[in-house]
Amino acid sequence: MHELGIVIKIVKTVEEFARKNNVTMIETLVLQVGELSSVVPRYIESCYPMAVEGTLLEKTSLKIEVIPGEVRCKKCGESYNLIASNQRCPQCQGETWDLISGREFQIKEIVAC
């Protein structure tokens, strides 16, 4: 589970941001995770409490927004969700596409008190 290492890196990044901006309390941390990324949201949620223990983020609420895996068919131009459509264009059944979204993994928002 590489998510623990990812969360530890996020904690360090947020703590550095807080220090630079004189933030002493963070209420909420919002992450965006693409459904086509290699990051599993439930694993992030399960290791988050361990990763933030004893840090500035210890009492911080974690919110994860899942970004849909959207693609555009190279054959007909239709936009669709890659996973929901079994990797085939629902319009023409094409199997080649360009990625629109879904591989993101980023800190979207840090809500300070």
PDB file of N, CA and C in Angstrom:
ATOM      1  N   MET A   1       0.857  -1.180   0.000  1.00  0.00           N
ATOM      2  CA  MET A   1       0.000   0.000   0.000  1.00  0.00           C
ATOM      3  C   MET A   1       0.904   1.245   0.000  1.00  0.00           C
ATOM      4  N   HIS A   2       1.045   1.862  -1.159  1.00  0.00           N
ATOM      5  CA  HIS A   2       1.874   3.058  -1.272  1.00  0.00           C
ATOM      6  C   HIS A   2       1.155   4.315  -0.794  1.00  0.00           C
ATOM      7  N   GLU A   3      -0.113   4.188  -0.479  1.00  0.00           N
ATOM      8  CA  GLU A   3      -0.887   5.346  -0.029  1.00  0.00           C
ATOM      9  C   GLU A   3      -0.351   5.957   1.256  1.00  0.00           C
ATOM     10  N   LEU A   4       0.182   5.153   2.165  1.00  0.00           N
ATOM     11  CA  LEU A   4       0.723   5.701   3.410  1.00  0.00           C
ATOM     12  C   LEU A   4       1.859   6.672   3.105  1.00  0.00           C
ATOM     13  N   GLY A   5       2.757   6.299   2.231  1.00  0.00           N
ATOM     14  CA  GLY A   5       3.845   7.193   1.838  1.00  0.00           C
ATOM     15  C   GLY A   5       3.331   8.465   1.191  1.00  0.00           C
ATOM     16  N   ILE A   6       2.292   8.332   0.393  1.00  0.00           N
ATOM     17  CA  ILE A   6       1.685   9.496  -0.257  1.00  0.00           C
ATOM     18  C   ILE A   6       1.091  10.436   0.787  1.00  0.00           C
ATOM     19  N   VAL A   7       0.365   9.868   1.747  1.00  0.00           N
ATOM     20  CA  VAL A   7      -0.264  10.697   2.782  1.00  0.00           C
ATOM     21  C   VAL A   7       0.801  11.380   3.643  1.00  0.00           C
ATOM     22  N   ILE A   8       1.874  10.686   3.962  1.00  0.00           N
ATOM     23  CA  ILE A   8       2.947  11.311   4.746  1.00  0.00           C
ATOM     24  C   ILE A   8       3.533  12.498   3.985  1.00  0.00           C
ATOM     25  N   LYS A   9       3.715  12.357   2.675  1.00  0.00           N
ATOM     26  CA  LYS A   9       4.221  13.462   1.848  1.00  0.00           C
ATOM     27  C   LYS A   9       3.228  14.628   1.835  1.00  0.00           C
ATOM     28  N   ILE A  10       1.952  14.334   1.765  1.00  0.00           N
ATOM     29  CA  ILE A  10       0.925  15.379   1.795  1.00  0.00           C
ATOM     30  C   ILE A  10       0.980  16.125   3.127  1.00  0.00           C
ATOM     31  N   VAL A  11       1.089  15.383   4.224  1.00  0.00           N
ATOM     32  CA  VAL A  11       1.156  15.999   5.558  1.00  0.00           C
ATOM     33  C   VAL A  11       2.338  16.967   5.616  1.00  0.00           C
ATOM     34  N   LYS A  12       3.491  16.540   5.140  1.00  0.00           N
ATOM     35  CA  LYS A  12       4.672  17.409   5.142  1.00  0.00           C
ATOM     36  C   LYS A  12       4.452  18.645   4.279  1.00  0.00           C
ATOM     37  N   THR A  13       3.834  18.477   3.138  1.00  0.00           N
ATOM     38  CA  THR A  13       3.557  19.603   2.238  1.00  0.00           C
ATOM     39  C   THR A  13       2.606  20.601   2.886  1.00  0.00           C
ATOM     40  N   VAL A  14       1.551  20.099   3.513  1.00  0.00           N
ATOM     41  CA  VAL A  14       0.564  20.976   4.156  1.00  0.00           C
ATOM     42  C   VAL A  14       1.182  21.677   5.367  1.00  0.00           C
ATOM     43  N   GLU A  15       1.980  20.958   6.146  1.00  0.00           N
ATOM     44  CA  GLU A  15       2.638  21.593   7.292  1.00  0.00           C
ATOM     45  C   GLU A  15       3.592  22.700   6.836  1.00  0.00           C
ATOM     46  N   GLU A  16       4.304  22.476   5.759  1.00  0.00           N
ATOM     47  CA  GLU A  16       5.199  23.505   5.224  1.00  0.00           C
ATOM     48  C   GLU A  16       4.403  24.724   4.768  1.00  0.00           C
ATOM     49  N   PHE A  17       3.285  24.479   4.086  1.00  0.00           N
ATOM     50  CA  PHE A  17       2.395  25.565   3.664  1.00  0.00           C
ATOM     51  C   PHE A  17       1.913  26.358   4.881  1.00  0.00           C
ATOM     52  N   ALA A  18       1.506  25.638   5.922  1.00  0.00           N
ATOM     53  CA  ALA A  18       0.992  26.279   7.135  1.00  0.00           C
ATOM     54  C   ALA A  18       2.062  27.155   7.786  1.00  0.00           C
ATOM     55  N   ARG A  19       3.281  26.632   7.892  1.00  0.00           N
ATOM     56  CA  ARG A  19       4.377  27.417   8.480  1.00  0.00           C
ATOM     57  C   ARG A  19       4.640  28.692   7.686  1.00  0.00           C
ATOM     58  N   LYS A  20       4.703  28.571   6.380  1.00  0.00           N
ATOM     59  CA  LYS A  20       4.991  29.725   5.518  1.00  0.00           C
ATOM     60  C   LYS A  20       3.896  30.780   5.577  1.00  0.00           C
ATOM     61  N   ASN A  21       2.682  30.363   5.901  1.00  0.00           N
ATOM     62  CA  ASN A  21       1.537  31.276   5.912  1.00  0.00           C
ATOM     63  C   ASN A  21       1.004  31.556   7.310  1.00  0.00           C
ATOM     64  N   ASN A  22       1.783  31.223   8.329  1.00  0.00           N
ATOM     65  CA  ASN A  22       1.413  31.462   9.724  1.00  0.00           C
ATOM     66  C   ASN A  22       0.050  30.876  10.101  1.00  0.00           C
ATOM     67  N   VAL A  23      -0.238  29.709   9.577  1.00  0.00           N
ATOM     68  CA  VAL A  23      -1.481  29.005   9.894  1.00  0.00           C
ATOM     69  C   VAL A  23      -1.192  28.055  11.054  1.00  0.00           C
ATOM     70  N   THR A  24      -1.987  28.159  12.113  1.00  0.00           N
ATOM     71  CA  THR A  24      -1.758  27.316  13.286  1.00  0.00           C
ATOM     72  C   THR A  24      -2.793  26.208  13.443  1.00  0.00           C
ATOM     73  N   MET A  25      -3.901  26.297  12.709  1.00  0.00           N
ATOM     74  CA  MET A  25      -4.950  25.288  12.830  1.00  0.00           C
ATOM     75  C   MET A  25      -5.590  25.086  11.459  1.00  0.00           C
ATOM     76  N   ILE A  26      -5.701  23.843  11.064  1.00  0.00           N
ATOM     77  CA  ILE A  26      -6.343  23.502   9.797  1.00  0.00           C
ATOM     78  C   ILE A  26      -7.587  22.691  10.113  1.00  0.00           C
ATOM     79  N   GLU A  27      -8.706  23.144   9.579  1.00  0.00           N
ATOM     80  CA  GLU A  27      -9.986  22.484   9.839  1.00  0.00           C
ATOM     81  C   GLU A  27     -10.216  21.309   8.890  1.00  0.00           C
ATOM     82  N   THR A  28      -9.989  21.548   7.592  1.00  0.00           N
ATOM     83  CA  THR A  28     -10.301  20.540   6.581  1.00  0.00           C
ATOM     84  C   THR A  28      -9.225  20.504   5.508  1.00  0.00           C
ATOM     85  N   LEU A  29      -8.908  19.306   5.066  1.00  0.00           N
ATOM     86  CA  LEU A  29      -8.015  19.102   3.938  1.00  0.00           C
ATOM     87  C   LEU A  29      -8.823  18.390   2.858  1.00  0.00           C
ATOM     88  N   VAL A  30      -8.853  18.982   1.659  1.00  0.00           N
ATOM     89  CA  VAL A  30      -9.610  18.401   0.554  1.00  0.00           C
ATOM     90  C   VAL A  30      -8.626  17.912  -0.514  1.00  0.00           C
ATOM     91  N   LEU A  31      -8.727  16.626  -0.834  1.00  0.00           N
ATOM     92  CA  LEU A  31      -7.894  16.031  -1.875  1.00  0.00           C
ATOM     93  C   LEU A  31      -8.768  15.660  -3.065  1.00  0.00           C
ATOM     94  N   GLN A  32      -8.190  15.745  -4.252  1.00  0.00           N
ATOM     95  CA  GLN A  32      -8.863  15.255  -5.451  1.00  0.00           C
ATOM     96  C   GLN A  32      -8.097  14.037  -5.950  1.00  0.00           C
ATOM     97  N   VAL A  33      -8.842  12.958  -6.193  1.00  0.00           N
ATOM     98  CA  VAL A  33      -8.243  11.711  -6.653  1.00  0.00           C
ATOM     99  C   VAL A  33      -8.984  11.262  -7.906  1.00  0.00           C
ATOM    100  N   GLY A  34      -8.263  11.118  -8.988  1.00  0.00           N
ATOM    101  CA  GLY A  34      -8.869  10.634 -10.221  1.00  0.00           C
ATOM    102  C   GLY A  34      -9.142   9.145 -10.145  1.00  0.00           C
ATOM    103  N   GLU A  35     -10.280   8.722 -10.680  1.00  0.00           N
ATOM    104  CA  GLU A  35     -10.622   7.302 -10.600  1.00  0.00           C
ATOM    105  C   GLU A  35      -9.733   6.438 -11.492  1.00  0.00           C
ATOM    106  N   LEU A  36      -8.934   7.054 -12.347  1.00  0.00           N
ATOM    107  CA  LEU A  36      -7.984   6.305 -13.174  1.00  0.00           C
ATOM    108  C   LEU A  36      -6.562   6.392 -12.637  1.00  0.00           C
ATOM    109  N   SER A  37      -6.387   7.088 -11.508  1.00  0.00           N
ATOM    110  CA  SER A  37      -5.055   7.198 -10.909  1.00  0.00           C
ATOM    111  C   SER A  37      -4.732   5.902 -10.174  1.00  0.00           C
ATOM    112  N   SER A  38      -3.507   5.767  -9.741  1.00  0.00           N
ATOM    113  CA  SER A  38      -3.117   4.554  -9.016  1.00  0.00           C
ATOM    114  C   SER A  38      -3.385   4.671  -7.517  1.00  0.00           C
ATOM    115  N   VAL A  39      -4.033   5.754  -7.105  1.00  0.00           N
ATOM    116  CA  VAL A  39      -4.320   6.001  -5.691  1.00  0.00           C
ATOM    117  C   VAL A  39      -5.737   5.523  -5.368  1.00  0.00           C
ATOM    118  N   VAL A  40      -5.861   4.770  -4.280  1.00  0.00           N
ATOM    119  CA  VAL A  40      -7.159   4.227  -3.876  1.00  0.00           C
ATOM    120  C   VAL A  40      -7.692   5.074  -2.713  1.00  0.00           C
ATOM    121  N   PRO A  41      -8.806   5.803  -2.934  1.00  0.00           N
ATOM    122  CA  PRO A  41      -9.332   6.695  -1.890  1.00  0.00           C
ATOM    123  C   PRO A  41      -9.561   6.035  -0.535  1.00  0.00           C
ATOM    124  N   ARG A  42     -10.096   4.842  -0.500  1.00  0.00           N
ATOM    125  CA  ARG A  42     -10.378   4.203   0.801  1.00  0.00           C
ATOM    126  C   ARG A  42      -9.088   3.881   1.546  1.00  0.00           C
ATOM    127  N   TYR A  43      -7.996   3.622   0.822  1.00  0.00           N
ATOM    128  CA  TYR A  43      -6.711   3.388   1.479  1.00  0.00           C
ATOM    129  C   TYR A  43      -6.154   4.697   2.043  1.00  0.00           C
ATOM    130  N   ILE A  44      -6.363   5.787   1.320  1.00  0.00           N
ATOM    131  CA  ILE A  44      -5.954   7.108   1.819  1.00  0.00           C
ATOM    132  C   ILE A  44      -6.696   7.386   3.128  1.00  0.00           C
ATOM    133  N   GLU A  45      -8.013   7.148   3.119  1.00  0.00           N
ATOM    134  CA  GLU A  45      -8.830   7.387   4.314  1.00  0.00           C
ATOM    135  C   GLU A  45      -8.398   6.502   5.484  1.00  0.00           C
ATOM    136  N   SER A  46      -8.033   5.260   5.201  1.00  0.00           N
ATOM    137  CA  SER A  46      -7.691   4.362   6.302  1.00  0.00           C
ATOM    138  C   SER A  46      -6.321   4.661   6.912  1.00  0.00           C
ATOM    139  N   CYS A  47      -5.378   5.145   6.121  1.00  0.00           N
ATOM    140  CA  CYS A  47      -4.051   5.418   6.696  1.00  0.00           C
ATOM    141  C   CYS A  47      -3.900   6.879   7.152  1.00  0.00           C
ATOM    142  N   TYR A  48      -4.856   7.733   6.822  1.00  0.00           N
ATOM    143  CA  TYR A  48      -4.788   9.142   7.196  1.00  0.00           C
ATOM    144  C   TYR A  48      -4.625   9.354   8.706  1.00  0.00           C
ATOM    145  N   PRO A  49      -5.432   8.700   9.558  1.00  0.00           N
ATOM    146  CA  PRO A  49      -5.283   8.928  11.006  1.00  0.00           C
ATOM    147  C   PRO A  49      -3.878   8.624  11.526  1.00  0.00           C
ATOM    148  N   MET A  50      -3.240   7.572  11.018  1.00  0.00           N
ATOM    149  CA  MET A  50      -1.880   7.230  11.451  1.00  0.00           C
ATOM    150  C   MET A  50      -0.875   8.273  10.972  1.00  0.00           C
ATOM    151  N   ALA A  51      -1.057   8.735   9.746  1.00  0.00           N
ATOM    152  CA  ALA A  51      -0.102   9.670   9.149  1.00  0.00           C
ATOM    153  C   ALA A  51      -0.149  11.052   9.801  1.00  0.00           C
ATOM    154  N   VAL A  52      -1.306  11.450  10.324  1.00  0.00           N
ATOM    155  CA  VAL A  52      -1.434  12.793  10.898  1.00  0.00           C
ATOM    156  C   VAL A  52      -1.233  12.826  12.415  1.00  0.00           C
ATOM    157  N   GLU A  53      -1.133  11.660  13.024  1.00  0.00           N
ATOM    158  CA  GLU A  53      -0.962  11.606  14.477  1.00  0.00           C
ATOM    159  C   GLU A  53       0.287  12.386  14.905  1.00  0.00           C
ATOM    160  N   GLY A  54       0.085  13.314  15.846  1.00  0.00           N
ATOM    161  CA  GLY A  54       1.179  14.126  16.363  1.00  0.00           C
ATOM    162  C   GLY A  54       1.607  15.265  15.458  1.00  0.00           C
ATOM    163  N   THR A  55       0.816  15.551  14.426  1.00  0.00           N
ATOM    164  CA  THR A  55       1.143  16.642  13.498  1.00  0.00           C
ATOM    165  C   THR A  55       0.108  17.759  13.602  1.00  0.00           C
ATOM    166  N   LEU A  56       0.350  18.818  12.875  1.00  0.00           N
ATOM    167  CA  LEU A  56      -0.583  19.944  12.811  1.00  0.00           C
ATOM    168  C   LEU A  56      -1.944  19.507  12.260  1.00  0.00           C
ATOM    169  N   LEU A  57      -1.968  18.435  11.510  1.00  0.00           N
ATOM    170  CA  LEU A  57      -3.204  17.970  10.877  1.00  0.00           C
ATOM    171  C   LEU A  57      -3.969  16.939  11.702  1.00  0.00           C
ATOM    172  N   GLU A  58      -3.523  16.693  12.920  1.00  0.00           N
ATOM    173  CA  GLU A  58      -4.099  15.622  13.741  1.00  0.00           C
ATOM    174  C   GLU A  58      -5.621  15.749  13.908  1.00  0.00           C
ATOM    175  N   LYS A  59      -6.136  16.942  14.035  1.00  0.00           N
ATOM    176  CA  LYS A  59      -7.576  17.132  14.232  1.00  0.00           C
ATOM    177  C   LYS A  59      -8.275  17.603  12.963  1.00  0.00           C
ATOM    178  N   THR A  60      -7.589  17.465  11.861  1.00  0.00           N
ATOM    179  CA  THR A  60      -8.113  17.924  10.580  1.00  0.00           C
ATOM    180  C   THR A  60      -9.052  16.898   9.974  1.00  0.00           C
ATOM    181  N   SER A  61     -10.136  17.379   9.394  1.00  0.00           N
ATOM    182  CA  SER A  61     -11.067  16.520   8.683  1.00  0.00           C
ATOM    183  C   SER A  61     -10.554  16.325   7.257  1.00  0.00           C
ATOM    184  N   LEU A  62     -10.606  15.102   6.766  1.00  0.00           N
ATOM    185  CA  LEU A  62     -10.173  14.794   5.404  1.00  0.00           C
ATOM    186  C   LEU A  62     -11.388  14.588   4.521  1.00  0.00           C
ATOM    187  N   LYS A  63     -11.390  15.258   3.373  1.00  0.00           N
ATOM    188  CA  LYS A  63     -12.441  15.054   2.372  1.00  0.00           C
ATOM    189  C   LYS A  63     -11.752  14.668   1.072  1.00  0.00           C
ATOM    190  N   ILE A  64     -12.310  13.669   0.409  1.00  0.00           N
ATOM    191  CA  ILE A  64     -11.759  13.227  -0.870  1.00  0.00           C
ATOM    192  C   ILE A  64     -12.824  13.362  -1.943  1.00  0.00           C
ATOM    193  N   GLU A  65     -12.462  14.067  -3.003  1.00  0.00           N
ATOM    194  CA  GLU A  65     -13.337  14.196  -4.166  1.00  0.00           C
ATOM    195  C   GLU A  65     -12.778  13.293  -5.260  1.00  0.00           C
ATOM    196  N   VAL A  66     -13.610  12.409  -5.771  1.00  0.00           N
ATOM    197  CA  VAL A  66     -13.176  11.514  -6.839  1.00  0.00           C
ATOM    198  C   VAL A  66     -13.507  12.162  -8.179  1.00  0.00           C
ATOM    199  N   ILE A  67     -12.480  12.304  -9.011  1.00  0.00           N
ATOM    200  CA  ILE A  67     -12.636  12.903 -10.337  1.00  0.00           C
ATOM    201  C   ILE A  67     -12.900  11.762 -11.326  1.00  0.00           C
ATOM    202  N   PRO A  68     -14.021  11.830 -12.051  1.00  0.00           N
ATOM    203  CA  PRO A  68     -14.363  10.749 -12.986  1.00  0.00           C
ATOM    204  C   PRO A  68     -13.319  10.582 -14.090  1.00  0.00           C
ATOM    205  N   GLY A  69     -13.175   9.350 -14.542  1.00  0.00           N
ATOM    206  CA  GLY A  69     -12.264   9.041 -15.646  1.00  0.00           C
ATOM    207  C   GLY A  69     -12.954   9.292 -16.972  1.00  0.00           C
ATOM    208  N   GLU A  70     -12.887  10.514 -17.417  1.00  0.00           N
ATOM    209  CA  GLU A  70     -13.551  10.920 -18.665  1.00  0.00           C
ATOM    210  C   GLU A  70     -12.573  10.889 -19.831  1.00  0.00           C
ATOM    211  N   VAL A  71     -13.050  10.382 -20.963  1.00  0.00           N
ATOM    212  CA  VAL A  71     -12.246  10.308 -22.175  1.00  0.00           C
ATOM    213  C   VAL A  71     -13.067  10.801 -23.364  1.00  0.00           C
ATOM    214  N   ARG A  72     -12.357  11.046 -24.477  1.00  0.00           N
ATOM    215  CA  ARG A  72     -13.018  11.435 -25.727  1.00  0.00           C
ATOM    216  C   ARG A  72     -12.622  10.406 -26.788  1.00  0.00           C
ATOM    217  N   CYS A  73     -13.616   9.826 -27.431  1.00  0.00           N
ATOM    218  CA  CYS A  73     -13.401   8.802 -28.447  1.00  0.00           C
ATOM    219  C   CYS A  73     -12.658   9.409 -29.644  1.00  0.00           C
ATOM    220  N   LYS A  74     -11.603   8.739 -30.074  1.00  0.00           N
ATOM    221  CA  LYS A  74     -10.838   9.209 -31.233  1.00  0.00           C
ATOM    222  C   LYS A  74     -11.597   8.971 -32.542  1.00  0.00           C
ATOM    223  N   LYS A  75     -12.519   8.040 -32.527  1.00  0.00           N
ATOM    224  CA  LYS A  75     -13.258   7.684 -33.739  1.00  0.00           C
ATOM    225  C   LYS A  75     -14.423   8.635 -34.021  1.00  0.00           C
ATOM    226  N   CYS A  76     -15.236   8.911 -32.977  1.00  0.00           N
ATOM    227  CA  CYS A  76     -16.437   9.715 -33.213  1.00  0.00           C
ATOM    228  C   CYS A  76     -16.493  11.023 -32.414  1.00  0.00           C
ATOM    229  N   GLY A  77     -15.571  11.192 -31.453  1.00  0.00           N
ATOM    230  CA  GLY A  77     -15.542  12.431 -30.677  1.00  0.00           C
ATOM    231  C   GLY A  77     -16.439  12.455 -29.449  1.00  0.00           C
ATOM    232  N   GLU A  78     -17.138  11.366 -29.192  1.00  0.00           N
ATOM    233  CA  GLU A  78     -18.033  11.280 -28.020  1.00  0.00           C
ATOM    234  C   GLU A  78     -17.204  11.309 -26.735  1.00  0.00           C
ATOM    235  N   SER A  79     -17.674  12.049 -25.726  1.00  0.00           N
ATOM    236  CA  SER A  79     -17.049  12.052 -24.399  1.00  0.00           C
ATOM    237  C   SER A  79     -17.826  11.092 -23.504  1.00  0.00           C
ATOM    238  N   TYR A  80     -17.093  10.293 -22.702  1.00  0.00           N
ATOM    239  CA  TYR A  80     -17.765   9.316 -21.857  1.00  0.00           C
ATOM    240  C   TYR A  80     -16.862   8.897 -20.702  1.00  0.00           C
ATOM    241  N   ASN A  81     -17.461   8.224 -19.713  1.00  0.00           N
ATOM    242  CA  ASN A  81     -16.716   7.700 -18.577  1.00  0.00           C
ATOM    243  C   ASN A  81     -16.136   6.349 -18.979  1.00  0.00           C
ATOM    244  N   LEU A  82     -14.819   6.250 -18.907  1.00  0.00           N
ATOM    245  CA  LEU A  82     -14.119   5.057 -19.376  1.00  0.00           C
ATOM    246  C   LEU A  82     -14.508   3.804 -18.597  1.00  0.00           C
ATOM    247  N   ILE A  83     -14.604   3.915 -17.289  1.00  0.00           N
ATOM    248  CA  ILE A  83     -14.914   2.750 -16.460  1.00  0.00           C
ATOM    249  C   ILE A  83     -16.368   2.315 -16.629  1.00  0.00           C
ATOM    250  N   ALA A  84     -17.281   3.280 -16.579  1.00  0.00           N
ATOM    251  CA  ALA A  84     -18.705   2.961 -16.676  1.00  0.00           C
ATOM    252  C   ALA A  84     -19.069   2.342 -18.024  1.00  0.00           C
ATOM    253  N   SER A  85     -18.280   2.630 -19.046  1.00  0.00           N
ATOM    254  CA  SER A  85     -18.602   2.125 -20.382  1.00  0.00           C
ATOM    255  C   SER A  85     -17.772   0.901 -20.783  1.00  0.00           C
ATOM    256  N   ASN A  86     -17.080   0.312 -19.814  1.00  0.00           N
ATOM    257  CA  ASN A  86     -16.243  -0.865 -20.093  1.00  0.00           C
ATOM    258  C   ASN A  86     -15.192  -0.590 -21.163  1.00  0.00           C
ATOM    259  N   GLN A  87     -14.660   0.611 -21.162  1.00  0.00           N
ATOM    260  CA  GLN A  87     -13.584   1.036 -22.046  1.00  0.00           C
ATOM    261  C   GLN A  87     -13.961   1.038 -23.526  1.00  0.00           C
ATOM    262  N   ARG A  88     -15.252   1.121 -23.805  1.00  0.00           N
ATOM    263  CA  ARG A  88     -15.737   1.217 -25.191  1.00  0.00           C
ATOM    264  C   ARG A  88     -16.647   2.431 -25.309  1.00  0.00           C
ATOM    265  N   CYS A  89     -16.531   3.104 -26.406  1.00  0.00           N
ATOM    266  CA  CYS A  89     -17.386   4.265 -26.650  1.00  0.00           C
ATOM    267  C   CYS A  89     -18.843   3.812 -26.740  1.00  0.00           C
ATOM    268  N   PRO A  90     -19.731   4.421 -25.966  1.00  0.00           N
ATOM    269  CA  PRO A  90     -21.138   4.022 -26.006  1.00  0.00           C
ATOM    270  C   PRO A  90     -21.815   4.414 -27.335  1.00  0.00           C
ATOM    271  N   GLN A  91     -21.203   5.334 -28.058  1.00  0.00           N
ATOM    272  CA  GLN A  91     -21.771   5.810 -29.326  1.00  0.00           C
ATOM    273  C   GLN A  91     -21.391   4.889 -30.492  1.00  0.00           C
ATOM    274  N   CYS A  92     -20.074   4.586 -30.633  1.00  0.00           N
ATOM    275  CA  CYS A  92     -19.608   3.851 -31.817  1.00  0.00           C
ATOM    276  C   CYS A  92     -18.870   2.560 -31.487  1.00  0.00           C
ATOM    277  N   GLN A  93     -18.730   2.257 -30.193  1.00  0.00           N
ATOM    278  CA  GLN A  93     -18.010   1.069 -29.717  1.00  0.00           C
ATOM    279  C   GLN A  93     -16.499   1.134 -29.959  1.00  0.00           C
ATOM    280  N   GLY A  94     -16.002   2.319 -30.287  1.00  0.00           N
ATOM    281  CA  GLY A  94     -14.568   2.503 -30.480  1.00  0.00           C
ATOM    282  C   GLY A  94     -13.798   2.240 -29.187  1.00  0.00           C
ATOM    283  N   GLU A  95     -12.548   1.833 -29.331  1.00  0.00           N
ATOM    284  CA  GLU A  95     -11.718   1.508 -28.171  1.00  0.00           C
ATOM    285  C   GLU A  95     -10.476   2.380 -28.069  1.00  0.00           C
ATOM    286  N   THR A  96     -10.407   3.423 -28.849  1.00  0.00           N
ATOM    287  CA  THR A  96      -9.288   4.365 -28.751  1.00  0.00           C
ATOM    288  C   THR A  96      -9.828   5.703 -28.288  1.00  0.00           C
ATOM    289  N   TRP A  97      -9.080   6.343 -27.398  1.00  0.00           N
ATOM    290  CA  TRP A  97      -9.581   7.556 -26.777  1.00  0.00           C
ATOM    291  C   TRP A  97      -8.438   8.448 -26.332  1.00  0.00           C
ATOM    292  N   ASP A  98      -8.782   9.707 -26.062  1.00  0.00           N
ATOM    293  CA  ASP A  98      -7.869  10.677 -25.445  1.00  0.00           C
ATOM    294  C   ASP A  98      -8.405  10.970 -24.055  1.00  0.00           C
ATOM    295  N   LEU A  99      -7.505  11.020 -23.088  1.00  0.00           N
ATOM    296  CA  LEU A  99      -7.885  11.283 -21.706  1.00  0.00           C
ATOM    297  C   LEU A  99      -8.298  12.737 -21.512  1.00  0.00           C
ATOM    298  N   ILE A 100      -9.414  12.946 -20.844  1.00  0.00           N
ATOM    299  CA  ILE A 100      -9.873  14.292 -20.470  1.00  0.00           C
ATOM    300  C   ILE A 100      -9.570  14.526 -18.999  1.00  0.00           C
ATOM    301  N   SER A 101      -9.958  13.580 -18.152  1.00  0.00           N
ATOM    302  CA  SER A 101      -9.717  13.700 -16.710  1.00  0.00           C
ATOM    303  C   SER A 101      -9.752  12.324 -16.072  1.00  0.00           C
ATOM    304  N   GLY A 102      -9.199  12.265 -14.836  1.00  0.00           N
ATOM    305  CA  GLY A 102      -9.292  11.033 -14.086  1.00  0.00           C
ATOM    306  C   GLY A 102      -7.978  10.502 -13.558  1.00  0.00           C
ATOM    307  N   ARG A 103      -6.865  11.127 -13.932  1.00  0.00           N
ATOM    308  CA  ARG A 103      -5.576  10.674 -13.400  1.00  0.00           C
ATOM    309  C   ARG A 103      -5.035  11.628 -12.342  1.00  0.00           C
ATOM    310  N   GLU A 104      -5.810  12.614 -11.966  1.00  0.00           N
ATOM    311  CA  GLU A 104      -5.360  13.618 -11.007  1.00  0.00           C
ATOM    312  C   GLU A 104      -5.152  13.030  -9.620  1.00  0.00           C
ATOM    313  N   PHE A 105      -4.227  13.635  -8.930  1.00  0.00           N
ATOM    314  CA  PHE A 105      -4.097  13.432  -7.489  1.00  0.00           C
ATOM    315  C   PHE A 105      -3.483  14.715  -6.968  1.00  0.00           C
ATOM    316  N   GLN A 106      -4.272  15.493  -6.240  1.00  0.00           N
ATOM    317  CA  GLN A 106      -3.781  16.793  -5.802  1.00  0.00           C
ATOM    318  C   GLN A 106      -4.497  17.288  -4.552  1.00  0.00           C
ATOM    319  N   ILE A 107      -3.824  18.210  -3.897  1.00  0.00           N
ATOM    320  CA  ILE A 107      -4.448  18.922  -2.785  1.00  0.00           C
ATOM    321  C   ILE A 107      -5.305  20.018  -3.411  1.00  0.00           C
ATOM    322  N   LYS A 108      -6.593  19.955  -3.195  1.00  0.00           N
ATOM    323  CA  LYS A 108      -7.490  20.942  -3.779  1.00  0.00           C
ATOM    324  C   LYS A 108      -7.631  22.154  -2.867  1.00  0.00           C
ATOM    325  N   GLU A 109      -7.755  21.876  -1.559  1.00  0.00           N
ATOM    326  CA  GLU A 109      -8.088  22.959  -0.642  1.00  0.00           C
ATOM    327  C   GLU A 109      -7.576  22.661   0.754  1.00  0.00           C
ATOM    328  N   ILE A 110      -7.102  23.705   1.407  1.00  0.00           N
ATOM    329  CA  ILE A 110      -6.706  23.651   2.810  1.00  0.00           C
ATOM    330  C   ILE A 110      -7.537  24.702   3.516  1.00  0.00           C
ATOM    331  N   VAL A 111      -8.434  24.257   4.379  1.00  0.00           N
ATOM    332  CA  VAL A 111      -9.335  25.178   5.073  1.00  0.00           C
ATOM    333  C   VAL A 111      -8.749  25.438   6.466  1.00  0.00           C
ATOM    334  N   ALA A 112      -8.291  26.660   6.672  1.00  0.00           N
ATOM    335  CA  ALA A 112      -7.703  27.038   7.958  1.00  0.00           C
ATOM    336  C   ALA A 112      -8.779  27.642   8.857  1.00  0.00           C
ATOM    337  N   CYS A 113      -8.571  27.508  10.153  1.00  0.00           N
ATOM    338  CA  CYS A 113      -9.502  28.087  11.141  1.00  0.00           C
ATOM    339  C   CYS A 113      -9.095  29.520  11.440  1.00  0.00           C
TER     340      CYS A 113
END
